[in-house]
Amino acid sequence: MRWLALSLFLAPTAASAQAVDLTRPHPIADELADVRRSHHIERREAGHVLFWTGLASVVGGSVVAGVLHDDPFWLAFGVGTAGWGAVNAGLAIPMLDLSGSGLAGIEADRLLRDDELRAARERALRAQERSGALFALNLGLDVFYVASGILLFFLADQLDDPERAENLRGYSVAMTAQGAFLFGFDLVEWIASAARADRIAAIEAP
């Protein structure tokens, strides 16, 4: 009888342990990780676009400035293009997750449950909303860059020194071109960030 009572006492415990396997991902945690992983890949792809475009600007601008250094317009254009390209390439590096820590953190979160899982979902959602706000801010700056470049081009006519005027025109063209590129880049990423936030919000809260 004691063995029968003991087996009846242990049976629910064994069944519960079998029903909840903490070594396997929670379905919602798995879904959230898959979505975040796809976002991570998209972010790295955008980072590659920004980095390689920036690097191309550095190389191209340096070549133009070196070959046509006797022409004040092209010298300023080349130097300006290289400078903007270097800044863009530098800004792209955090997006590339070169250490792999970002992706590793996403994979580790597959085992989260309950409050920790809810907190991870909330953090991921807020991160995409902040990213969208940042790109929206950048769009305003990009418009400023383009407008400033155009204004500088026409202000060059007010300079008495022809060489300085050509320098200003060259740099203004470089600034306008870089601003236009960044406007397109930030617009795409702003729309993408909003879509990513919607995808996370659509995941059922645990």
N, C-alpha and C. Protein backbone atom coordinates (compact mmCIF):
# COMPACT_ATOMS: atom_id res chain seq x y z
N MET A 1 0.82 -1.20 0.00
CA MET A 1 0.00 0.00 0.00
C MET A 1 0.86 1.26 0.00
N ARG A 2 1.98 1.21 0.83
CA ARG A 2 2.83 2.39 0.87
C ARG A 2 3.43 2.68 -0.49
N TRP A 3 3.83 1.63 -1.23
CA TRP A 3 4.39 1.82 -2.57
C TRP A 3 3.35 2.41 -3.52
N LEU A 4 2.10 1.97 -3.37
CA LEU A 4 1.03 2.49 -4.22
C LEU A 4 0.79 3.97 -3.93
N ALA A 5 0.78 4.32 -2.63
CA ALA A 5 0.57 5.73 -2.26
C ALA A 5 1.73 6.59 -2.74
N LEU A 6 2.96 6.07 -2.60
CA LEU A 6 4.12 6.82 -3.04
C LEU A 6 4.11 7.03 -4.55
N SER A 7 3.70 6.02 -5.30
CA SER A 7 3.66 6.15 -6.76
C SER A 7 2.59 7.15 -7.18
N LEU A 8 1.47 7.17 -6.45
CA LEU A 8 0.42 8.14 -6.77
C LEU A 8 0.87 9.56 -6.45
N PHE A 9 1.71 9.71 -5.42
CA PHE A 9 2.21 11.04 -5.04
C PHE A 9 3.23 11.57 -6.03
N LEU A 10 4.06 10.68 -6.55
CA LEU A 10 5.13 11.09 -7.46
C LEU A 10 4.65 11.25 -8.89
N ALA A 11 3.55 10.61 -9.26
CA ALA A 11 3.09 10.64 -10.64
C ALA A 11 2.80 12.04 -11.14
N PRO A 12 2.06 12.91 -10.42
CA PRO A 12 1.82 14.27 -10.91
C PRO A 12 3.10 15.07 -11.05
N THR A 13 4.03 14.84 -10.09
CA THR A 13 5.29 15.58 -10.14
C THR A 13 6.08 15.22 -11.38
N ALA A 14 6.13 13.95 -11.69
CA ALA A 14 6.85 13.50 -12.88
C ALA A 14 6.19 14.02 -14.15
N ALA A 15 4.86 14.02 -14.15
CA ALA A 15 4.14 14.50 -15.33
C ALA A 15 4.38 15.98 -15.53
N SER A 16 4.43 16.75 -14.41
CA SER A 16 4.66 18.19 -14.53
C SER A 16 6.05 18.48 -15.04
N ALA A 17 7.02 17.70 -14.54
CA ALA A 17 8.40 17.90 -14.99
C ALA A 17 8.54 17.60 -16.47
N GLN A 18 7.75 16.61 -16.94
CA GLN A 18 7.82 16.27 -18.35
C GLN A 18 7.12 17.33 -19.20
N ALA A 19 6.08 17.95 -18.63
CA ALA A 19 5.30 18.92 -19.40
C ALA A 19 6.07 20.22 -19.60
N VAL A 20 6.89 20.61 -18.63
CA VAL A 20 7.64 21.86 -18.71
C VAL A 20 9.13 21.54 -18.80
N ASP A 21 9.64 21.59 -19.99
CA ASP A 21 11.07 21.33 -20.21
C ASP A 21 11.77 22.67 -20.35
N LEU A 22 12.48 23.06 -19.30
CA LEU A 22 13.11 24.38 -19.28
C LEU A 22 14.31 24.48 -20.19
N THR A 23 14.73 23.36 -20.76
CA THR A 23 15.87 23.39 -21.68
C THR A 23 15.43 23.67 -23.11
N ARG A 24 14.11 23.64 -23.34
CA ARG A 24 13.59 23.91 -24.67
C ARG A 24 13.01 25.32 -24.72
N PRO A 25 13.19 26.02 -25.84
CA PRO A 25 12.67 27.39 -25.94
C PRO A 25 11.17 27.47 -25.80
N HIS A 26 10.70 28.49 -25.12
CA HIS A 26 9.28 28.79 -25.08
C HIS A 26 8.86 29.22 -26.48
N PRO A 27 7.68 28.79 -26.96
CA PRO A 27 7.27 29.15 -28.33
C PRO A 27 7.31 30.65 -28.61
N ILE A 28 6.88 31.45 -27.64
CA ILE A 28 6.91 32.90 -27.85
C ILE A 28 8.34 33.42 -27.85
N ALA A 29 9.18 32.86 -26.98
CA ALA A 29 10.60 33.26 -26.96
C ALA A 29 11.26 32.89 -28.28
N ASP A 30 10.89 31.75 -28.81
CA ASP A 30 11.44 31.32 -30.10
C ASP A 30 11.01 32.27 -31.21
N GLU A 31 9.72 32.63 -31.22
CA GLU A 31 9.20 33.55 -32.24
C GLU A 31 9.87 34.91 -32.13
N LEU A 32 10.00 35.41 -30.90
CA LEU A 32 10.63 36.71 -30.69
C LEU A 32 12.09 36.69 -31.16
N ALA A 33 12.79 35.62 -30.84
CA ALA A 33 14.20 35.51 -31.26
C ALA A 33 14.32 35.45 -32.78
N ASP A 34 13.40 34.74 -33.43
CA ASP A 34 13.44 34.66 -34.90
C ASP A 34 13.23 36.04 -35.52
N VAL A 35 12.27 36.79 -34.97
CA VAL A 35 12.01 38.14 -35.49
C VAL A 35 13.21 39.05 -35.24
N ARG A 36 13.75 39.00 -34.02
CA ARG A 36 14.91 39.84 -33.70
C ARG A 36 16.11 39.45 -34.55
N ARG A 37 16.27 38.16 -34.83
CA ARG A 37 17.38 37.72 -35.66
C ARG A 37 17.25 38.29 -37.07
N SER A 38 16.03 38.27 -37.62
CA SER A 38 15.82 38.83 -38.96
C SER A 38 16.09 40.34 -38.94
N HIS A 39 15.71 41.02 -37.87
CA HIS A 39 15.99 42.45 -37.74
C HIS A 39 17.50 42.69 -37.68
N HIS A 40 18.18 41.82 -36.96
CA HIS A 40 19.64 41.95 -36.82
C HIS A 40 20.31 41.82 -38.18
N ILE A 41 19.84 40.87 -38.98
CA ILE A 41 20.40 40.67 -40.32
C ILE A 41 20.14 41.89 -41.19
N GLU A 42 18.91 42.42 -41.12
CA GLU A 42 18.58 43.63 -41.89
C GLU A 42 19.46 44.80 -41.49
N ARG A 43 19.71 44.93 -40.19
CA ARG A 43 20.53 46.03 -39.69
C ARG A 43 21.97 45.88 -40.18
N ARG A 44 22.48 44.66 -40.18
CA ARG A 44 23.84 44.44 -40.67
C ARG A 44 23.93 44.74 -42.17
N GLU A 45 22.90 44.37 -42.93
CA GLU A 45 22.90 44.66 -44.37
C GLU A 45 22.90 46.16 -44.60
N ALA A 46 22.10 46.90 -43.82
CA ALA A 46 22.09 48.36 -43.94
C ALA A 46 23.45 48.93 -43.55
N GLY A 47 24.07 48.35 -42.52
CA GLY A 47 25.39 48.79 -42.11
C GLY A 47 26.43 48.57 -43.20
N HIS A 48 26.32 47.46 -43.91
CA HIS A 48 27.25 47.19 -45.02
C HIS A 48 27.07 48.22 -46.13
N VAL A 49 25.82 48.57 -46.43
CA VAL A 49 25.57 49.59 -47.45
C VAL A 49 26.22 50.90 -47.06
N LEU A 50 26.00 51.31 -45.81
CA LEU A 50 26.55 52.58 -45.35
C LEU A 50 28.08 52.54 -45.29
N PHE A 51 28.62 51.42 -44.83
CA PHE A 51 30.08 51.32 -44.69
C PHE A 51 30.77 51.33 -46.06
N TRP A 52 30.30 50.49 -46.97
CA TRP A 52 30.99 50.39 -48.26
C TRP A 52 30.76 51.63 -49.12
N THR A 53 29.61 52.26 -48.99
CA THR A 53 29.39 53.52 -49.69
C THR A 53 30.31 54.60 -49.13
N GLY A 54 30.45 54.62 -47.80
CA GLY A 54 31.36 55.57 -47.18
C GLY A 54 32.80 55.33 -47.59
N LEU A 55 33.19 54.05 -47.62
CA LEU A 55 34.56 53.72 -48.02
C LEU A 55 34.81 54.11 -49.48
N ALA A 56 33.80 53.88 -50.33
CA ALA A 56 33.93 54.27 -51.74
C ALA A 56 34.09 55.78 -51.86
N SER A 57 33.39 56.52 -51.01
CA SER A 57 33.51 57.98 -51.03
C SER A 57 34.90 58.41 -50.59
N VAL A 58 35.45 57.72 -49.60
CA VAL A 58 36.81 58.04 -49.14
C VAL A 58 37.82 57.81 -50.26
N VAL A 59 37.72 56.65 -50.89
CA VAL A 59 38.68 56.31 -51.96
C VAL A 59 38.47 57.23 -53.16
N GLY A 60 37.21 57.35 -53.61
CA GLY A 60 36.92 58.18 -54.78
C GLY A 60 37.28 59.64 -54.55
N GLY A 61 36.90 60.17 -53.38
CA GLY A 61 37.21 61.56 -53.08
C GLY A 61 38.71 61.81 -53.00
N SER A 62 39.43 60.85 -52.43
CA SER A 62 40.89 60.99 -52.32
C SER A 62 41.54 60.98 -53.69
N VAL A 63 41.06 60.12 -54.57
CA VAL A 63 41.61 60.05 -55.92
C VAL A 63 41.36 61.35 -56.67
N VAL A 64 40.12 61.85 -56.58
CA VAL A 64 39.78 63.11 -57.26
C VAL A 64 40.64 64.25 -56.72
N ALA A 65 40.77 64.33 -55.39
CA ALA A 65 41.57 65.40 -54.79
C ALA A 65 43.04 65.28 -55.17
N GLY A 66 43.53 64.04 -55.28
CA GLY A 66 44.93 63.85 -55.64
C GLY A 66 45.23 64.15 -57.09
N VAL A 67 44.36 63.68 -57.96
CA VAL A 67 44.60 63.84 -59.40
C VAL A 67 44.32 65.27 -59.86
N LEU A 68 43.27 65.87 -59.30
CA LEU A 68 42.86 67.21 -59.76
C LEU A 68 43.12 68.27 -58.69
N HIS A 69 44.22 68.12 -57.95
CA HIS A 69 44.49 69.04 -56.86
C HIS A 69 44.78 70.47 -57.33
N ASP A 70 45.10 70.63 -58.59
CA ASP A 70 45.35 71.99 -59.11
C ASP A 70 44.06 72.76 -59.37
N ASP A 71 42.95 72.04 -59.43
CA ASP A 71 41.66 72.69 -59.66
C ASP A 71 40.97 72.86 -58.30
N PRO A 72 40.76 74.10 -57.84
CA PRO A 72 40.19 74.31 -56.51
C PRO A 72 38.80 73.70 -56.32
N PHE A 73 38.01 73.66 -57.39
CA PHE A 73 36.68 73.05 -57.29
C PHE A 73 36.79 71.57 -56.98
N TRP A 74 37.56 70.85 -57.80
CA TRP A 74 37.67 69.40 -57.64
C TRP A 74 38.47 69.02 -56.40
N LEU A 75 39.41 69.84 -56.01
CA LEU A 75 40.15 69.58 -54.78
C LEU A 75 39.19 69.62 -53.58
N ALA A 76 38.38 70.67 -53.51
CA ALA A 76 37.43 70.79 -52.40
C ALA A 76 36.36 69.70 -52.47
N PHE A 77 35.92 69.40 -53.68
CA PHE A 77 34.92 68.33 -53.84
C PHE A 77 35.48 67.00 -53.36
N GLY A 78 36.71 66.69 -53.76
CA GLY A 78 37.31 65.42 -53.37
C GLY A 78 37.54 65.32 -51.88
N VAL A 79 38.07 66.37 -51.29
CA VAL A 79 38.32 66.37 -49.84
C VAL A 79 36.99 66.27 -49.06
N GLY A 80 36.00 67.04 -49.50
CA GLY A 80 34.70 66.99 -48.85
C GLY A 80 34.05 65.62 -48.95
N THR A 81 34.12 65.02 -50.13
CA THR A 81 33.54 63.69 -50.33
C THR A 81 34.24 62.66 -49.46
N ALA A 82 35.57 62.72 -49.40
CA ALA A 82 36.32 61.78 -48.57
C ALA A 82 35.99 61.97 -47.09
N GLY A 83 35.86 63.22 -46.66
CA GLY A 83 35.55 63.48 -45.26
C GLY A 83 34.19 62.96 -44.85
N TRP A 84 33.18 63.23 -45.67
CA TRP A 84 31.84 62.73 -45.38
C TRP A 84 31.81 61.20 -45.43
N GLY A 85 32.54 60.64 -46.36
CA GLY A 85 32.58 59.18 -46.47
C GLY A 85 33.19 58.53 -45.25
N ALA A 86 34.25 59.15 -44.71
CA ALA A 86 34.89 58.60 -43.51
C ALA A 86 33.93 58.62 -42.32
N VAL A 87 33.17 59.69 -42.18
CA VAL A 87 32.20 59.78 -41.09
C VAL A 87 31.13 58.71 -41.25
N ASN A 88 30.61 58.53 -42.47
CA ASN A 88 29.57 57.53 -42.71
C ASN A 88 30.08 56.12 -42.44
N ALA A 89 31.30 55.84 -42.88
CA ALA A 89 31.87 54.51 -42.63
C ALA A 89 32.02 54.25 -41.14
N GLY A 90 32.44 55.28 -40.40
CA GLY A 90 32.58 55.13 -38.96
C GLY A 90 31.24 54.88 -38.28
N LEU A 91 30.20 55.60 -38.71
CA LEU A 91 28.87 55.41 -38.13
C LEU A 91 28.29 54.04 -38.42
N ALA A 92 28.75 53.40 -39.50
CA ALA A 92 28.23 52.09 -39.89
C ALA A 92 28.78 50.97 -39.03
N ILE A 93 29.94 51.15 -38.44
CA ILE A 93 30.61 50.05 -37.73
C ILE A 93 29.76 49.44 -36.62
N PRO A 94 29.10 50.25 -35.75
CA PRO A 94 28.26 49.63 -34.72
C PRO A 94 27.12 48.79 -35.29
N MET A 95 26.68 49.09 -36.50
CA MET A 95 25.58 48.34 -37.10
C MET A 95 26.02 46.96 -37.57
N LEU A 96 27.31 46.74 -37.71
CA LEU A 96 27.82 45.49 -38.27
C LEU A 96 27.94 44.38 -37.23
N ASP A 97 27.92 44.72 -35.94
CA ASP A 97 28.05 43.72 -34.87
C ASP A 97 29.25 42.81 -35.13
N LEU A 98 30.41 43.42 -35.28
CA LEU A 98 31.61 42.67 -35.64
C LEU A 98 31.99 41.62 -34.60
N SER A 99 31.69 41.87 -33.34
CA SER A 99 32.03 40.90 -32.29
C SER A 99 31.05 39.74 -32.23
N GLY A 100 29.88 39.91 -32.82
CA GLY A 100 28.86 38.86 -32.78
C GLY A 100 28.09 38.81 -31.47
N SER A 101 28.34 39.76 -30.57
CA SER A 101 27.68 39.74 -29.26
C SER A 101 26.18 39.99 -29.38
N GLY A 102 25.79 40.82 -30.34
CA GLY A 102 24.36 41.09 -30.52
C GLY A 102 23.59 39.85 -30.90
N LEU A 103 24.11 39.11 -31.85
CA LEU A 103 23.44 37.88 -32.29
C LEU A 103 23.48 36.82 -31.19
N ALA A 104 24.58 36.74 -30.47
CA ALA A 104 24.69 35.77 -29.37
C ALA A 104 23.66 36.06 -28.29
N GLY A 105 23.43 37.34 -28.00
CA GLY A 105 22.44 37.72 -27.01
C GLY A 105 21.03 37.34 -27.44
N ILE A 106 20.75 37.48 -28.73
CA ILE A 106 19.43 37.10 -29.24
C ILE A 106 19.21 35.60 -29.07
N GLU A 107 20.21 34.81 -29.40
CA GLU A 107 20.09 33.36 -29.29
C GLU A 107 19.95 32.93 -27.83
N ALA A 108 20.66 33.60 -26.93
CA ALA A 108 20.58 33.26 -25.51
C ALA A 108 19.18 33.53 -24.96
N ASP A 109 18.51 34.53 -25.51
CA ASP A 109 17.17 34.90 -25.03
C ASP A 109 16.09 33.91 -25.43
N ARG A 110 16.45 32.91 -26.22
CA ARG A 110 15.45 31.89 -26.58
C ARG A 110 14.99 31.09 -25.35
N LEU A 111 15.77 31.07 -24.30
CA LEU A 111 15.42 30.30 -23.10
C LEU A 111 14.71 31.13 -22.04
N LEU A 112 14.41 32.39 -22.36
CA LEU A 112 13.71 33.24 -21.40
C LEU A 112 12.25 32.80 -21.23
N ARG A 113 11.72 33.06 -20.04
CA ARG A 113 10.33 32.73 -19.76
C ARG A 113 9.70 33.78 -18.85
N ASP A 114 8.38 33.79 -18.84
CA ASP A 114 7.58 34.60 -17.91
C ASP A 114 8.01 36.07 -17.91
N ASP A 115 8.37 36.61 -16.74
CA ASP A 115 8.67 38.04 -16.62
C ASP A 115 9.88 38.44 -17.47
N GLU A 116 10.90 37.59 -17.51
CA GLU A 116 12.10 37.91 -18.29
C GLU A 116 11.77 37.96 -19.78
N LEU A 117 10.90 37.08 -20.22
CA LEU A 117 10.49 37.06 -21.63
C LEU A 117 9.67 38.30 -21.96
N ARG A 118 8.76 38.68 -21.06
CA ARG A 118 7.97 39.89 -21.29
C ARG A 118 8.87 41.12 -21.34
N ALA A 119 9.86 41.16 -20.46
CA ALA A 119 10.79 42.29 -20.44
C ALA A 119 11.62 42.34 -21.72
N ALA A 120 12.04 41.18 -22.22
CA ALA A 120 12.83 41.14 -23.45
C ALA A 120 12.01 41.62 -24.64
N ARG A 121 10.75 41.23 -24.69
CA ARG A 121 9.87 41.68 -25.77
C ARG A 121 9.70 43.19 -25.71
N GLU A 122 9.50 43.72 -24.48
CA GLU A 122 9.32 45.16 -24.31
C GLU A 122 10.59 45.92 -24.72
N ARG A 123 11.75 45.40 -24.35
CA ARG A 123 13.02 46.05 -24.71
C ARG A 123 13.21 46.07 -26.22
N ALA A 124 12.90 44.96 -26.87
CA ALA A 124 13.05 44.87 -28.33
C ALA A 124 12.12 45.86 -29.02
N LEU A 125 10.90 45.98 -28.51
CA LEU A 125 9.93 46.92 -29.09
C LEU A 125 10.39 48.36 -28.91
N ARG A 126 10.84 48.68 -27.70
CA ARG A 126 11.31 50.04 -27.43
C ARG A 126 12.56 50.37 -28.24
N ALA A 127 13.42 49.39 -28.45
CA ALA A 127 14.64 49.62 -29.23
C ALA A 127 14.30 49.99 -30.67
N GLN A 128 13.31 49.33 -31.25
CA GLN A 128 12.92 49.66 -32.62
C GLN A 128 12.24 51.02 -32.69
N GLU A 129 11.48 51.36 -31.66
CA GLU A 129 10.84 52.68 -31.64
C GLU A 129 11.89 53.79 -31.50
N ARG A 130 12.90 53.55 -30.66
CA ARG A 130 13.98 54.55 -30.54
C ARG A 130 14.76 54.66 -31.83
N SER A 131 14.98 53.52 -32.49
CA SER A 131 15.70 53.53 -33.76
C SER A 131 14.94 54.34 -34.80
N GLY A 132 13.62 54.15 -34.85
CA GLY A 132 12.80 54.90 -35.79
C GLY A 132 12.86 56.40 -35.51
N ALA A 133 12.83 56.76 -34.22
CA ALA A 133 12.90 58.18 -33.85
C ALA A 133 14.25 58.78 -34.24
N LEU A 134 15.31 57.99 -34.09
CA LEU A 134 16.64 58.47 -34.45
C LEU A 134 16.76 58.70 -35.95
N PHE A 135 16.24 57.77 -36.73
CA PHE A 135 16.29 57.94 -38.18
C PHE A 135 15.41 59.11 -38.63
N ALA A 136 14.30 59.33 -37.94
CA ALA A 136 13.45 60.49 -38.26
C ALA A 136 14.21 61.78 -37.99
N LEU A 137 14.96 61.82 -36.88
CA LEU A 137 15.78 62.98 -36.57
C LEU A 137 16.86 63.18 -37.63
N ASN A 138 17.46 62.08 -38.04
CA ASN A 138 18.49 62.16 -39.08
C ASN A 138 17.94 62.69 -40.40
N LEU A 139 16.68 62.35 -40.69
CA LEU A 139 16.06 62.86 -41.92
C LEU A 139 16.03 64.39 -41.91
N GLY A 140 15.69 64.95 -40.76
CA GLY A 140 15.69 66.40 -40.65
C GLY A 140 17.08 66.99 -40.85
N LEU A 141 18.10 66.32 -40.31
CA LEU A 141 19.47 66.78 -40.50
C LEU A 141 19.89 66.66 -41.96
N ASP A 142 19.44 65.59 -42.62
CA ASP A 142 19.79 65.41 -44.03
C ASP A 142 19.22 66.53 -44.89
N VAL A 143 18.00 66.94 -44.59
CA VAL A 143 17.40 68.06 -45.33
C VAL A 143 18.23 69.31 -45.09
N PHE A 144 18.69 69.48 -43.85
CA PHE A 144 19.53 70.64 -43.53
C PHE A 144 20.84 70.59 -44.32
N TYR A 145 21.45 69.40 -44.43
CA TYR A 145 22.70 69.26 -45.18
C TYR A 145 22.50 69.65 -46.64
N VAL A 146 21.43 69.13 -47.24
CA VAL A 146 21.17 69.41 -48.66
C VAL A 146 20.90 70.90 -48.86
N ALA A 147 20.04 71.47 -48.01
CA ALA A 147 19.70 72.88 -48.14
C ALA A 147 20.94 73.76 -47.91
N SER A 148 21.78 73.39 -46.95
CA SER A 148 23.00 74.16 -46.68
C SER A 148 23.96 74.08 -47.85
N GLY A 149 24.07 72.87 -48.43
CA GLY A 149 24.96 72.71 -49.58
C GLY A 149 24.53 73.58 -50.75
N ILE A 150 23.23 73.61 -51.02
CA ILE A 150 22.72 74.44 -52.12
C ILE A 150 22.94 75.92 -51.82
N LEU A 151 22.70 76.31 -50.57
CA LEU A 151 22.90 77.71 -50.19
C LEU A 151 24.36 78.12 -50.33
N LEU A 152 25.28 77.25 -49.89
CA LEU A 152 26.71 77.56 -49.99
C LEU A 152 27.15 77.72 -51.45
N PHE A 153 26.56 76.91 -52.32
CA PHE A 153 26.91 76.98 -53.73
C PHE A 153 26.64 78.38 -54.28
N PHE A 154 25.48 78.93 -53.93
CA PHE A 154 25.13 80.25 -54.45
C PHE A 154 25.81 81.38 -53.68
N LEU A 155 26.13 81.13 -52.41
CA LEU A 155 26.86 82.15 -51.65
C LEU A 155 28.28 82.33 -52.16
N ALA A 156 28.79 81.30 -52.83
CA ALA A 156 30.16 81.40 -53.37
C ALA A 156 30.27 82.57 -54.34
N ASP A 157 29.17 82.95 -54.98
CA ASP A 157 29.20 84.07 -55.92
C ASP A 157 29.51 85.40 -55.21
N GLN A 158 29.33 85.42 -53.90
CA GLN A 158 29.55 86.66 -53.15
C GLN A 158 31.02 86.85 -52.76
N LEU A 159 31.83 85.83 -52.97
CA LEU A 159 33.24 85.92 -52.59
C LEU A 159 34.04 86.64 -53.68
N ASP A 160 34.95 87.48 -53.26
CA ASP A 160 35.79 88.22 -54.22
C ASP A 160 36.93 87.38 -54.75
N ASP A 161 37.34 86.38 -53.97
CA ASP A 161 38.46 85.52 -54.37
C ASP A 161 37.94 84.37 -55.21
N PRO A 162 38.26 84.29 -56.51
CA PRO A 162 37.75 83.22 -57.38
C PRO A 162 38.15 81.82 -56.89
N GLU A 163 39.37 81.70 -56.36
CA GLU A 163 39.80 80.37 -55.90
C GLU A 163 38.99 79.91 -54.70
N ARG A 164 38.78 80.80 -53.75
CA ARG A 164 37.95 80.47 -52.59
C ARG A 164 36.52 80.17 -53.01
N ALA A 165 36.03 80.90 -54.00
CA ALA A 165 34.67 80.66 -54.49
C ALA A 165 34.55 79.25 -55.08
N GLU A 166 35.56 78.84 -55.85
CA GLU A 166 35.54 77.50 -56.43
C GLU A 166 35.68 76.43 -55.35
N ASN A 167 36.49 76.70 -54.33
CA ASN A 167 36.60 75.78 -53.19
C ASN A 167 35.24 75.57 -52.53
N LEU A 168 34.53 76.67 -52.31
CA LEU A 168 33.23 76.58 -51.65
C LEU A 168 32.22 75.85 -52.52
N ARG A 169 32.26 76.11 -53.81
CA ARG A 169 31.34 75.41 -54.72
C ARG A 169 31.62 73.91 -54.72
N GLY A 170 32.89 73.55 -54.76
CA GLY A 170 33.24 72.13 -54.78
C GLY A 170 32.78 71.43 -53.52
N TYR A 171 33.02 72.05 -52.38
CA TYR A 171 32.60 71.42 -51.13
C TYR A 171 31.08 71.38 -51.04
N SER A 172 30.39 72.43 -51.50
CA SER A 172 28.93 72.46 -51.42
C SER A 172 28.31 71.35 -52.26
N VAL A 173 28.91 71.05 -53.41
CA VAL A 173 28.39 69.96 -54.24
C VAL A 173 28.58 68.62 -53.52
N ALA A 174 29.75 68.44 -52.90
CA ALA A 174 30.01 67.20 -52.15
C ALA A 174 29.02 67.06 -50.99
N MET A 175 28.78 68.15 -50.29
CA MET A 175 27.87 68.14 -49.14
C MET A 175 26.44 67.83 -49.58
N THR A 176 26.02 68.43 -50.68
CA THR A 176 24.67 68.18 -51.19
C THR A 176 24.49 66.73 -51.62
N ALA A 177 25.49 66.20 -52.31
CA ALA A 177 25.41 64.81 -52.77
C ALA A 177 25.37 63.83 -51.60
N GLN A 178 26.21 64.07 -50.61
CA GLN A 178 26.23 63.18 -49.44
C GLN A 178 24.94 63.30 -48.64
N GLY A 179 24.43 64.51 -48.51
CA GLY A 179 23.17 64.70 -47.80
C GLY A 179 22.01 64.00 -48.50
N ALA A 180 22.00 64.05 -49.83
CA ALA A 180 20.94 63.38 -50.58
C ALA A 180 21.01 61.87 -50.40
N PHE A 181 22.24 61.32 -50.41
CA PHE A 181 22.39 59.88 -50.18
C PHE A 181 21.90 59.51 -48.78
N LEU A 182 22.31 60.28 -47.77
CA LEU A 182 21.91 59.98 -46.40
C LEU A 182 20.40 60.12 -46.22
N PHE A 183 19.79 61.06 -46.94
CA PHE A 183 18.33 61.19 -46.85
C PHE A 183 17.65 59.91 -47.31
N GLY A 184 18.09 59.39 -48.45
CA GLY A 184 17.52 58.15 -48.95
C GLY A 184 17.76 56.99 -47.99
N PHE A 185 18.97 56.90 -47.47
CA PHE A 185 19.31 55.81 -46.54
C PHE A 185 18.46 55.90 -45.27
N ASP A 186 18.40 57.07 -44.67
CA ASP A 186 17.65 57.23 -43.42
C ASP A 186 16.15 57.07 -43.63
N LEU A 187 15.65 57.46 -44.79
CA LEU A 187 14.22 57.28 -45.07
C LEU A 187 13.87 55.80 -45.12
N VAL A 188 14.69 55.02 -45.82
CA VAL A 188 14.46 53.58 -45.90
C VAL A 188 14.52 52.94 -44.51
N GLU A 189 15.52 53.33 -43.72
CA GLU A 189 15.67 52.75 -42.38
C GLU A 189 14.58 53.20 -41.42
N TRP A 190 14.08 54.42 -41.59
CA TRP A 190 12.97 54.89 -40.75
C TRP A 190 11.72 54.06 -41.01
N ILE A 191 11.43 53.83 -42.28
CA ILE A 191 10.26 53.00 -42.64
C ILE A 191 10.47 51.58 -42.14
N ALA A 192 11.69 51.05 -42.30
CA ALA A 192 11.98 49.69 -41.87
C ALA A 192 11.85 49.55 -40.36
N SER A 193 12.30 50.55 -39.60
CA SER A 193 12.21 50.49 -38.14
C SER A 193 10.76 50.44 -37.69
N ALA A 194 9.90 51.21 -38.34
CA ALA A 194 8.47 51.18 -38.00
C ALA A 194 7.88 49.80 -38.28
N ALA A 195 8.28 49.19 -39.40
CA ALA A 195 7.79 47.86 -39.74
C ALA A 195 8.30 46.83 -38.74
N ARG A 196 9.54 46.97 -38.30
CA ARG A 196 10.11 46.04 -37.32
C ARG A 196 9.39 46.15 -35.99
N ALA A 197 9.08 47.37 -35.58
CA ALA A 197 8.34 47.57 -34.33
C ALA A 197 6.97 46.91 -34.42
N ASP A 198 6.31 47.02 -35.56
CA ASP A 198 4.99 46.40 -35.75
C ASP A 198 5.10 44.88 -35.66
N ARG A 199 6.17 44.32 -36.20
CA ARG A 199 6.34 42.86 -36.16
C ARG A 199 6.52 42.37 -34.73
N ILE A 200 7.25 43.13 -33.92
CA ILE A 200 7.43 42.74 -32.52
C ILE A 200 6.14 42.92 -31.74
N ALA A 201 5.42 44.02 -31.99
CA ALA A 201 4.16 44.27 -31.29
C ALA A 201 3.13 43.19 -31.60
N ALA A 202 3.23 42.59 -32.79
CA ALA A 202 2.27 41.56 -33.18
C ALA A 202 2.51 40.24 -32.46
N ILE A 203 3.67 40.08 -31.83
CA ILE A 203 3.96 38.86 -31.09
C ILE A 203 3.18 38.89 -29.78
N GLU A 204 2.47 37.83 -29.48
CA GLU A 204 1.63 37.76 -28.28
C GLU A 204 2.51 37.90 -27.04
N ALA A 205 2.10 38.77 -26.12
CA ALA A 205 2.85 38.93 -24.86
C ALA A 205 2.67 37.68 -24.01
N PRO A 206 3.75 37.13 -23.47
CA PRO A 206 3.65 35.89 -22.67
C PRO A 206 2.92 36.14 -21.34
